Protein backbone atom coordinates (compact mmCIF):
# COMPACT_ATOMS: atom_id res chain seq x y z
CA MET A 1 106.18 -26.50 -23.32
CA THR A 2 103.89 -29.52 -23.73
CA ARG A 3 105.60 -32.73 -24.54
CA GLN A 4 104.27 -34.39 -27.78
CA TYR A 5 105.85 -37.87 -27.34
CA PHE A 6 107.13 -38.41 -23.85
CA GLY A 7 104.81 -39.51 -21.10
CA THR A 8 105.46 -40.24 -17.38
CA ASP A 9 107.66 -43.24 -18.37
CA GLY A 10 109.24 -42.68 -21.74
CA ILE A 11 107.37 -43.20 -24.98
CA ARG A 12 104.88 -45.98 -25.22
CA GLY A 13 102.19 -47.43 -27.53
CA THR A 14 100.83 -50.07 -29.69
CA VAL A 15 103.48 -51.49 -32.13
CA GLY A 16 102.82 -50.50 -35.69
CA GLN A 17 100.95 -47.34 -34.73
CA PRO A 18 102.72 -43.99 -34.24
CA PRO A 19 104.85 -43.38 -32.33
CA ILE A 20 105.94 -47.10 -32.03
CA THR A 21 106.98 -47.61 -35.69
CA PRO A 22 110.43 -48.35 -36.87
CA ASP A 23 110.75 -45.17 -38.86
CA PHE A 24 109.84 -42.97 -35.91
CA VAL A 25 112.08 -45.00 -33.60
CA LEU A 26 115.01 -44.51 -35.98
CA ARG A 27 114.43 -40.67 -36.10
CA LEU A 28 114.09 -40.75 -32.21
CA ALA A 29 117.42 -42.25 -31.76
CA HIS A 30 118.99 -39.87 -34.21
CA ALA A 31 117.50 -36.94 -32.26
CA VAL A 32 118.73 -38.22 -29.11
CA GLY A 33 122.15 -38.68 -30.54
CA GLN A 34 122.11 -35.12 -31.66
CA VAL A 35 121.27 -34.00 -28.26
CA LEU A 36 124.02 -36.18 -26.62
CA LYS A 37 126.73 -34.83 -28.95
CA ARG A 38 126.10 -31.27 -27.67
CA SER A 39 127.93 -32.21 -24.52
CA GLU A 40 130.03 -35.20 -25.57
CA PRO A 41 131.92 -35.72 -28.91
CA HIS A 42 131.79 -39.50 -28.81
CA PRO A 43 128.74 -40.75 -26.87
CA THR A 44 128.11 -44.38 -26.09
CA VAL A 45 124.63 -45.74 -25.56
CA LEU A 46 123.54 -49.03 -23.97
CA ILE A 47 120.37 -50.69 -25.28
CA GLY A 48 118.41 -53.38 -23.40
CA LYS A 49 114.93 -54.92 -24.03
CA ASP A 50 112.35 -57.25 -22.66
CA THR A 51 111.14 -60.33 -24.41
CA ARG A 52 108.56 -58.88 -26.79
CA ILE A 53 108.84 -60.07 -30.43
CA SER A 54 108.77 -56.41 -31.48
CA GLY A 55 112.00 -55.75 -29.49
CA TYR A 56 114.07 -57.08 -32.44
CA MET A 57 112.62 -54.54 -34.89
CA LEU A 58 112.82 -51.59 -32.43
CA GLU A 59 116.44 -52.54 -31.31
CA SER A 60 117.57 -52.39 -35.00
CA ALA A 61 115.93 -49.19 -35.59
CA LEU A 62 117.46 -47.62 -32.49
CA GLU A 63 120.90 -48.99 -33.40
CA SER A 64 120.65 -47.42 -36.86
CA GLY A 65 119.39 -44.07 -35.51
CA PHE A 66 122.16 -43.80 -33.01
CA ASN A 67 124.96 -44.93 -35.48
CA SER A 68 123.65 -42.45 -38.05
CA ALA A 69 124.30 -39.77 -35.56
CA GLY A 70 127.68 -40.77 -34.77
CA VAL A 71 126.89 -42.58 -31.50
CA ASP A 72 128.34 -45.96 -30.55
CA VAL A 73 125.91 -48.58 -29.41
CA VAL A 74 126.34 -51.54 -26.89
CA LEU A 75 123.54 -54.22 -27.24
CA LEU A 76 122.63 -55.93 -23.92
CA GLY A 77 120.02 -58.20 -25.20
CA PRO A 78 116.96 -59.04 -22.87
CA VAL A 79 117.63 -57.70 -19.55
CA PRO A 80 115.40 -56.03 -16.83
CA THR A 81 114.97 -52.32 -16.81
CA PRO A 82 116.84 -51.82 -13.64
CA ALA A 83 119.85 -53.82 -15.19
CA VAL A 84 120.07 -51.23 -17.89
CA ALA A 85 120.14 -48.57 -15.25
CA TYR A 86 122.91 -50.39 -13.42
CA LEU A 87 125.07 -51.28 -16.43
CA THR A 88 124.90 -47.80 -17.85
CA ARG A 89 126.45 -46.50 -14.70
CA ALA A 90 128.95 -49.39 -14.38
CA GLN A 91 129.98 -49.13 -17.95
CA ARG A 92 130.49 -45.41 -17.77
CA ALA A 93 128.18 -44.98 -20.68
CA THR A 94 126.51 -41.78 -21.70
CA LEU A 95 122.95 -43.10 -21.82
CA GLY A 96 120.86 -46.13 -21.17
CA VAL A 97 117.91 -47.19 -23.38
CA VAL A 98 115.18 -49.64 -22.51
CA ILE A 99 112.77 -51.19 -25.12
CA SER A 100 109.81 -52.19 -22.94
CA ALA A 101 106.18 -51.58 -22.25
CA SER A 102 106.58 -53.03 -18.66
CA HIS A 103 103.45 -54.74 -17.58
CA ASN A 104 101.45 -54.03 -20.72
CA PRO A 105 100.56 -56.92 -23.00
CA TYR A 106 102.86 -57.87 -25.92
CA PRO A 107 101.28 -55.86 -28.76
CA ASP A 108 102.56 -52.72 -26.81
CA ASN A 109 106.05 -51.51 -26.56
CA GLY A 110 108.03 -48.42 -25.62
CA ILE A 111 111.27 -46.66 -25.28
CA LYS A 112 112.66 -45.17 -22.06
CA PHE A 113 115.96 -43.73 -21.04
CA PHE A 114 118.49 -43.58 -18.09
CA SER A 115 121.23 -40.96 -17.53
CA ALA A 116 124.92 -41.77 -17.16
CA GLN A 117 124.19 -42.08 -13.33
CA GLY A 118 121.35 -44.67 -13.82
CA THR A 119 118.62 -42.22 -13.04
CA LYS A 120 115.57 -41.07 -14.95
CA LEU A 121 116.16 -37.93 -17.12
CA PRO A 122 114.62 -34.49 -16.39
CA ASP A 123 111.86 -32.94 -18.40
CA GLU A 124 114.25 -30.39 -19.91
CA TRP A 125 116.22 -33.22 -21.58
CA GLU A 126 113.03 -34.74 -23.05
CA LEU A 127 111.90 -31.40 -24.27
CA ALA A 128 115.36 -30.92 -26.07
CA VAL A 129 114.99 -34.32 -27.73
CA GLU A 130 111.45 -33.38 -28.94
CA ALA A 131 112.79 -30.08 -30.25
CA ALA A 132 115.62 -32.06 -32.16
CA LEU A 133 112.94 -34.36 -33.46
CA ALA A 134 111.27 -31.36 -35.14
CA GLN A 135 114.45 -30.53 -37.09
CA PRO A 136 115.64 -32.29 -40.29
CA PRO A 137 118.02 -35.11 -39.46
CA ALA A 138 121.73 -34.33 -39.67
CA TRP A 139 123.08 -37.67 -41.09
CA ALA A 140 126.74 -38.26 -40.32
CA ASP A 141 129.02 -39.22 -43.25
CA SER A 142 130.81 -42.56 -43.32
CA SER A 143 133.84 -41.22 -41.51
CA ALA A 144 131.75 -40.18 -38.58
CA LEU A 145 129.27 -43.04 -38.18
CA GLY A 146 129.01 -44.80 -34.76
CA ARG A 147 129.75 -48.54 -34.22
CA ALA A 148 127.72 -51.26 -32.54
CA ARG A 149 128.90 -54.24 -30.42
CA ARG A 150 127.29 -56.71 -27.95
CA LEU A 151 128.03 -57.07 -24.24
CA ASP A 152 127.81 -60.80 -24.03
CA ASP A 153 127.99 -61.02 -20.23
CA ALA A 154 125.41 -58.38 -19.44
CA ALA A 155 123.07 -60.73 -17.53
CA GLY A 156 125.91 -62.29 -15.44
CA ARG A 157 127.13 -58.81 -14.54
CA TYR A 158 123.61 -57.81 -13.32
CA ILE A 159 123.09 -61.12 -11.36
CA GLU A 160 126.37 -60.29 -9.44
CA PHE A 161 125.11 -56.86 -8.77
CA CYS A 162 121.75 -58.04 -7.44
CA LYS A 163 123.54 -60.61 -5.15
CA SER A 164 125.84 -57.86 -3.74
CA THR A 165 122.70 -56.07 -2.25
CA PHE A 166 122.04 -59.05 -0.10
CA ALA A 167 123.94 -59.23 3.33
CA SER A 168 127.10 -61.29 2.74
CA GLU A 169 126.72 -63.16 6.13
CA LEU A 170 123.21 -64.49 5.22
CA SER A 171 121.94 -67.04 2.67
CA LEU A 172 118.62 -68.47 1.50
CA ARG A 173 119.51 -71.95 2.28
CA GLY A 174 116.60 -74.05 3.36
CA LEU A 175 114.05 -71.80 1.55
CA LYS A 176 111.93 -73.09 -1.34
CA ILE A 177 111.01 -70.07 -3.46
CA VAL A 178 108.68 -69.89 -6.57
CA VAL A 179 110.03 -67.26 -8.91
CA ASP A 180 107.51 -65.91 -11.57
CA ALA A 181 109.35 -63.67 -14.14
CA ALA A 182 106.19 -62.95 -16.25
CA HIS A 183 107.93 -64.54 -19.29
CA GLY A 184 109.74 -61.19 -19.31
CA ALA A 185 113.18 -59.62 -19.14
CA ALA A 186 114.26 -61.47 -16.03
CA TYR A 187 113.36 -64.91 -17.16
CA HIS A 188 117.15 -65.94 -17.28
CA ILE A 189 118.22 -63.71 -14.42
CA ALA A 190 115.79 -63.97 -11.44
CA PRO A 191 115.98 -67.73 -10.98
CA ALA A 192 119.76 -67.55 -11.05
CA VAL A 193 119.91 -64.74 -8.36
CA PHE A 194 117.97 -66.64 -5.85
CA HIS A 195 119.52 -70.11 -6.61
CA GLU A 196 123.00 -68.74 -6.32
CA LEU A 197 122.07 -67.29 -2.90
CA GLY A 198 121.11 -70.85 -1.73
CA ALA A 199 117.37 -71.18 -2.30
CA ASP A 200 115.66 -74.17 -3.79
CA VAL A 201 114.09 -72.28 -6.79
CA VAL A 202 110.98 -73.26 -8.76
CA ALA A 203 110.83 -71.12 -11.86
CA ILE A 204 107.60 -70.28 -13.47
CA GLY A 205 106.87 -67.62 -16.15
CA CYS A 206 110.36 -68.13 -17.51
CA SER A 207 109.70 -69.37 -20.95
CA PRO A 208 109.14 -66.45 -23.21
CA ASN A 209 108.02 -66.94 -26.79
CA GLY A 210 107.88 -63.13 -27.83
CA ARG A 211 104.09 -63.08 -27.33
CA ASN A 212 103.33 -64.34 -23.83
CA ILE A 213 104.85 -61.61 -21.75
CA ASN A 214 102.59 -60.76 -18.90
CA ASP A 215 100.03 -63.23 -20.20
CA GLY A 216 98.30 -64.71 -17.16
CA VAL A 217 101.57 -64.58 -15.09
CA GLY A 218 103.84 -62.04 -13.14
CA ALA A 219 103.02 -59.16 -10.82
CA THR A 220 99.85 -58.16 -12.66
CA HIS A 221 98.36 -61.74 -12.46
CA PRO A 222 99.48 -62.85 -8.90
CA GLN A 223 97.00 -65.74 -8.68
CA THR A 224 99.21 -67.82 -10.83
CA LEU A 225 101.92 -67.44 -8.10
CA VAL A 226 99.57 -68.08 -5.31
CA ASP A 227 98.57 -71.38 -7.02
CA ALA A 228 102.22 -72.33 -7.74
CA VAL A 229 103.34 -71.71 -4.09
CA ARG A 230 100.58 -73.96 -2.80
CA ALA A 231 101.14 -76.67 -5.45
CA HIS A 232 104.92 -76.88 -4.73
CA GLY A 233 104.72 -76.42 -0.98
CA ALA A 234 107.04 -73.59 -1.15
CA ASP A 235 107.95 -71.16 1.69
CA LEU A 236 107.57 -68.10 -0.46
CA GLY A 237 106.94 -66.81 -3.93
CA LEU A 238 107.65 -63.62 -5.87
CA ALA A 239 106.30 -62.29 -9.08
CA LEU A 240 107.99 -59.62 -11.25
CA ASP A 241 106.46 -57.87 -14.27
CA GLY A 242 107.61 -57.85 -17.73
CA ASP A 243 110.59 -55.55 -17.15
CA ALA A 244 111.21 -56.79 -13.62
CA ASP A 245 110.72 -53.44 -11.85
CA ARG A 246 107.52 -54.45 -9.99
CA LEU A 247 107.29 -57.04 -7.19
CA GLN A 248 104.43 -58.91 -5.48
CA MET A 249 105.13 -61.65 -2.89
CA VAL A 250 103.22 -64.61 -1.60
CA ASP A 251 103.79 -66.53 1.69
CA ALA A 252 103.52 -70.37 2.27
CA HIS A 253 99.76 -69.97 3.12
CA GLY A 254 98.99 -68.40 -0.24
CA ARG A 255 98.62 -64.88 1.19
CA LEU A 256 99.46 -62.21 -1.22
CA PHE A 257 101.46 -59.08 -0.06
CA ASN A 258 101.41 -55.90 -2.18
CA GLY A 259 103.75 -53.11 -2.63
CA ASP A 260 102.23 -50.99 0.21
CA GLU A 261 102.78 -53.86 2.74
CA LEU A 262 106.26 -54.53 1.46
CA LEU A 263 107.24 -50.88 1.62
CA TYR A 264 106.15 -50.72 5.31
CA LEU A 265 108.11 -53.89 5.96
CA LEU A 266 111.36 -52.45 4.49
CA ALA A 267 110.97 -49.37 6.70
CA GLU A 268 110.01 -51.41 9.85
CA ASP A 269 113.10 -53.74 9.50
CA ARG A 270 115.48 -50.87 9.22
CA LEU A 271 113.91 -49.36 12.42
CA ALA A 272 114.19 -52.71 14.17
CA ARG A 273 117.97 -52.80 13.29
CA GLY A 274 118.49 -49.28 14.82
CA GLU A 275 118.80 -47.45 11.43
CA GLY A 276 117.19 -44.04 10.92
CA VAL A 277 114.29 -43.74 8.57
CA PRO A 278 113.25 -40.00 8.44
CA GLY A 279 110.47 -40.70 6.04
CA VAL A 280 108.94 -42.87 3.34
CA VAL A 281 107.52 -41.77 -0.08
CA GLY A 282 104.30 -43.35 -1.27
CA THR A 283 101.60 -41.98 -3.57
CA LEU A 284 98.17 -40.62 -3.47
CA MET A 285 96.95 -44.25 -3.48
CA THR A 286 99.17 -45.57 -0.62
CA ASN A 287 96.87 -47.23 1.95
CA MET A 288 96.07 -45.11 4.91
CA ALA A 289 96.89 -47.85 7.29
CA VAL A 290 100.54 -47.68 6.09
CA GLU A 291 100.55 -43.98 6.81
CA GLN A 292 99.17 -44.56 10.43
CA ALA A 293 101.46 -47.43 11.07
CA LEU A 294 104.53 -45.52 10.11
CA ALA A 295 103.37 -42.48 12.07
CA GLY A 296 103.29 -44.81 15.11
CA ARG A 297 106.93 -45.54 14.62
CA GLY A 298 107.64 -41.87 14.19
CA VAL A 299 108.11 -42.05 10.50
CA ALA A 300 106.60 -39.63 8.14
CA LEU A 301 104.87 -40.58 4.86
CA ALA A 302 105.01 -38.11 1.96
CA ARG A 303 102.59 -38.62 -0.87
CA ALA A 304 103.70 -38.12 -4.45
CA LYS A 305 101.55 -38.41 -7.58
CA VAL A 306 100.91 -41.84 -8.88
CA GLY A 307 103.87 -43.18 -10.85
CA ASP A 308 107.36 -44.20 -9.91
CA ARG A 309 108.86 -41.38 -11.58
CA TYR A 310 107.12 -39.01 -9.13
CA VAL A 311 108.10 -41.18 -6.16
CA LEU A 312 111.64 -40.99 -7.33
CA GLU A 313 111.57 -37.20 -7.64
CA GLU A 314 110.08 -36.82 -4.11
CA LEU A 315 112.78 -39.09 -2.66
CA HIS A 316 115.56 -37.04 -4.22
CA ARG A 317 113.83 -33.69 -3.11
CA ARG A 318 113.64 -34.82 0.39
CA GLY A 319 116.92 -36.82 0.58
CA TRP A 320 115.06 -40.04 1.77
CA ARG A 321 115.79 -43.62 0.68
CA LEU A 322 112.54 -45.64 0.64
CA GLY A 323 109.49 -45.17 -1.53
CA GLY A 324 107.17 -47.23 -3.54
CA GLU A 325 103.69 -48.04 -4.79
CA GLY A 326 100.99 -50.57 -4.01
CA SER A 327 101.62 -51.98 -7.62
CA GLY A 328 104.99 -53.14 -6.43
CA HIS A 329 107.26 -50.41 -7.67
CA LEU A 330 109.72 -50.27 -4.70
CA ILE A 331 112.69 -47.78 -4.59
CA ILE A 332 115.50 -48.45 -2.28
CA LEU A 333 118.07 -45.63 -3.10
CA ASP A 334 120.91 -46.92 -1.01
CA LYS A 335 120.75 -50.07 -3.00
CA HIS A 336 119.97 -48.95 -6.52
CA THR A 337 119.23 -45.75 -8.35
CA THR A 338 115.78 -46.87 -9.59
CA GLY A 339 112.92 -49.34 -8.76
CA ASP A 340 114.11 -53.02 -8.89
CA GLY A 341 111.90 -55.93 -8.33
CA ILE A 342 114.68 -58.44 -7.66
CA VAL A 343 116.60 -56.10 -5.28
CA ALA A 344 113.38 -55.28 -3.40
CA ALA A 345 112.67 -58.96 -3.08
CA LEU A 346 116.19 -59.64 -1.70
CA GLN A 347 115.75 -56.92 0.90
CA VAL A 348 112.42 -58.52 2.15
CA LEU A 349 113.85 -61.95 2.17
CA GLN A 350 116.90 -60.58 4.12
CA ALA A 351 114.65 -59.31 6.77
CA CYS A 352 112.80 -62.61 7.12
CA VAL A 353 116.10 -64.71 7.17
CA ARG A 354 117.83 -62.41 9.68
CA ARG A 355 115.01 -62.07 12.05
CA GLN A 356 113.91 -65.79 11.52
CA ARG A 357 110.31 -64.70 11.06
CA PRO A 358 107.88 -65.23 8.15
CA LEU A 359 106.35 -62.38 6.19
CA ALA A 360 103.00 -62.43 7.97
CA ASP A 361 104.63 -62.14 11.34
CA LEU A 362 106.81 -59.26 10.39
CA LEU A 363 103.60 -57.47 9.18
CA GLN A 364 101.23 -58.50 11.91
CA GLY A 365 100.92 -54.82 13.12
CA LEU A 366 99.66 -53.78 9.74
CA ALA A 367 95.99 -54.26 8.62
CA LEU A 368 95.38 -52.54 5.30
CA TYR A 369 92.03 -50.66 4.90
CA PRO A 370 89.78 -51.92 2.27
CA GLN A 371 89.95 -49.78 -0.84
CA VAL A 372 87.14 -49.51 -3.37
CA LEU A 373 87.96 -48.15 -6.95
CA ARG A 374 85.44 -46.89 -9.46
CA ASN A 375 86.22 -45.64 -12.98
CA VAL A 376 83.58 -43.24 -14.21
CA ARG A 377 83.39 -42.28 -17.77
CA ILE A 378 82.71 -38.49 -18.08
CA GLN A 379 82.33 -36.10 -20.97
CA PRO A 380 85.69 -35.15 -22.76
CA GLY A 381 86.77 -31.74 -21.29
CA CYS A 382 84.38 -31.91 -18.34
CA ASP A 383 85.79 -30.33 -15.26
CA TRP A 384 84.59 -32.67 -12.52
CA ARG A 385 85.67 -30.07 -9.83
CA THR A 386 82.58 -27.97 -10.78
CA LEU A 387 80.02 -30.65 -10.28
CA PRO A 388 77.96 -29.61 -7.25
CA ALA A 389 76.35 -32.96 -6.55
CA LEU A 390 79.91 -34.57 -6.62
CA ALA A 391 81.22 -31.99 -4.31
CA GLN A 392 78.36 -32.41 -1.81
CA VAL A 393 78.71 -36.22 -1.73
CA GLN A 394 82.45 -35.92 -1.29
CA ALA A 395 81.97 -33.66 1.70
CA ASP A 396 79.39 -35.96 3.22
CA ALA A 397 81.64 -38.98 2.73
CA GLU A 398 84.65 -37.25 4.29
CA ALA A 399 82.52 -36.20 7.30
CA ALA A 400 81.15 -39.86 7.71
CA LEU A 401 84.62 -41.26 7.59
CA GLN A 402 85.86 -38.92 10.37
CA GLY A 403 89.54 -39.58 9.88
CA GLN A 404 88.94 -43.32 9.57
CA GLY A 405 89.29 -43.32 5.81
CA ARG A 406 89.95 -41.27 2.73
CA VAL A 407 88.25 -40.12 -0.52
CA LEU A 408 90.39 -39.68 -3.54
CA ILE A 409 89.18 -38.35 -6.82
CA ARG A 410 91.44 -37.83 -9.85
CA ALA A 411 91.12 -37.56 -13.48
CA SER A 412 92.81 -40.07 -15.78
CA GLY A 413 95.73 -38.55 -17.76
CA THR A 414 95.00 -40.84 -20.76
CA GLU A 415 91.16 -41.01 -21.22
CA PRO A 416 87.97 -39.20 -20.21
CA VAL A 417 87.68 -41.20 -16.99
CA LEU A 418 87.37 -40.17 -13.34
CA ARG A 419 89.20 -42.36 -10.92
CA VAL A 420 87.26 -42.59 -7.62
CA MET A 421 88.76 -44.25 -4.64
CA VAL A 422 87.28 -44.65 -1.14
CA GLU A 423 89.17 -46.28 1.77
CA ALA A 424 87.62 -47.12 5.04
CA ARG A 425 88.01 -49.55 7.91
CA ASP A 426 84.63 -50.88 7.08
CA ALA A 427 84.50 -52.43 3.59
CA ALA A 428 80.72 -52.04 3.18
CA GLN A 429 81.15 -48.28 4.09
CA ALA A 430 83.78 -47.89 1.53
CA GLN A 431 81.63 -49.66 -1.06
CA ARG A 432 78.64 -47.58 -0.36
CA TRP A 433 80.30 -44.13 -0.57
CA ALA A 434 82.26 -45.21 -3.81
CA ASP A 435 79.05 -46.07 -5.38
CA ALA A 436 77.43 -42.81 -4.30
CA LEU A 437 80.45 -40.70 -5.56
CA ALA A 438 80.38 -42.63 -8.95
CA GLN A 439 76.62 -41.81 -9.32
CA ALA A 440 77.21 -38.13 -8.45
CA ALA A 441 80.01 -37.82 -10.94
CA ALA A 442 77.92 -39.27 -13.82
CA PRO A 443 74.49 -40.86 -13.84
CA THR A 444 75.87 -43.66 -16.21
CA VAL A 445 77.15 -47.00 -15.22
CA PRO A 446 80.85 -46.95 -14.18
CA ALA A 447 83.19 -48.07 -16.93
């Protein structure tokens, strides 16, 4: 059965346009409540949000929808997505709900859910909710309505959880760290975590006004962090996105380290400490240099589809602990049940402090291959696999790269666009083949 509303990370869209409207969100919460009550007579749901101005409206709609189905609600206020996952588990709640569109600009918003164990929910659950949405609402009478209350110390509880993932015998004393929270959900949390562990913290992107989330700051705009690290003479900088599940880091020289590099560092540090790392999960986009470097240490890399949901599914399937994406989604399953930018940053910093070496030194054995990306607009419904010219150029490119690079072609899941990526040791070669593939896919100018 095809899902009508749920995508790879909940339900997302532009506020004021279906499905991100207050009437739909109320019906969604009511439908979710109906599904929850099939297995639990008195469910309790936690609701957290990021700092978008639309969060107030959607929070009220969710609260009303859940209460109308006889579900109790606990409001967390603005907290990171991974905080909702943690608090749902810690509070023994039935479900966690996040109001956020992650790294998207403020006109967008979305709703996503966590299970009682703090994990993403399966497709079967989402299909059950969509089926309930198709049915007339079953409004509870006054005697069966749910209640709502606020968890006033939600941020403090999560701060303590984050700190607990950092080795108790270590501290961040002597380090000056720039923390960029993207004017998002971690604005009042991330600086406190690193300060309480001993760091001298310079906070940027920590003044949300409801409309500036991800606006020129955060993990999707890392140049702001690079400039701030240099301006303040900091030792390190870290940037989160709007809901704090992505991470990018910068060293004292202004060098930016992406998720692929940080994922390798996390695996390498465990190996250096004598821990077993049977394998790491990346995605189709994970840099080939990471795969080769891990193989040199006897560690397998499994590639999942692009998206942290698929990385998480593959980790669970294989029983592994480390996974992530170049975008900065890093999953460390023996520390948290979901991707967490703050927790991931603490694990990287822990490696630097314990081994008394800067980031660049810990990664000196890894040199990423240049990746060239092209977006090619194609005719809606076109099956790119049947284009003979494209197949020929792809075969020629793969033969020319001779195992020293990769070609990846995949269709966008949201628009009639073909994503073309070429990776090679030589940047000019990657550029040349990416252009040739784009031209073969469509004689028009790449979008």
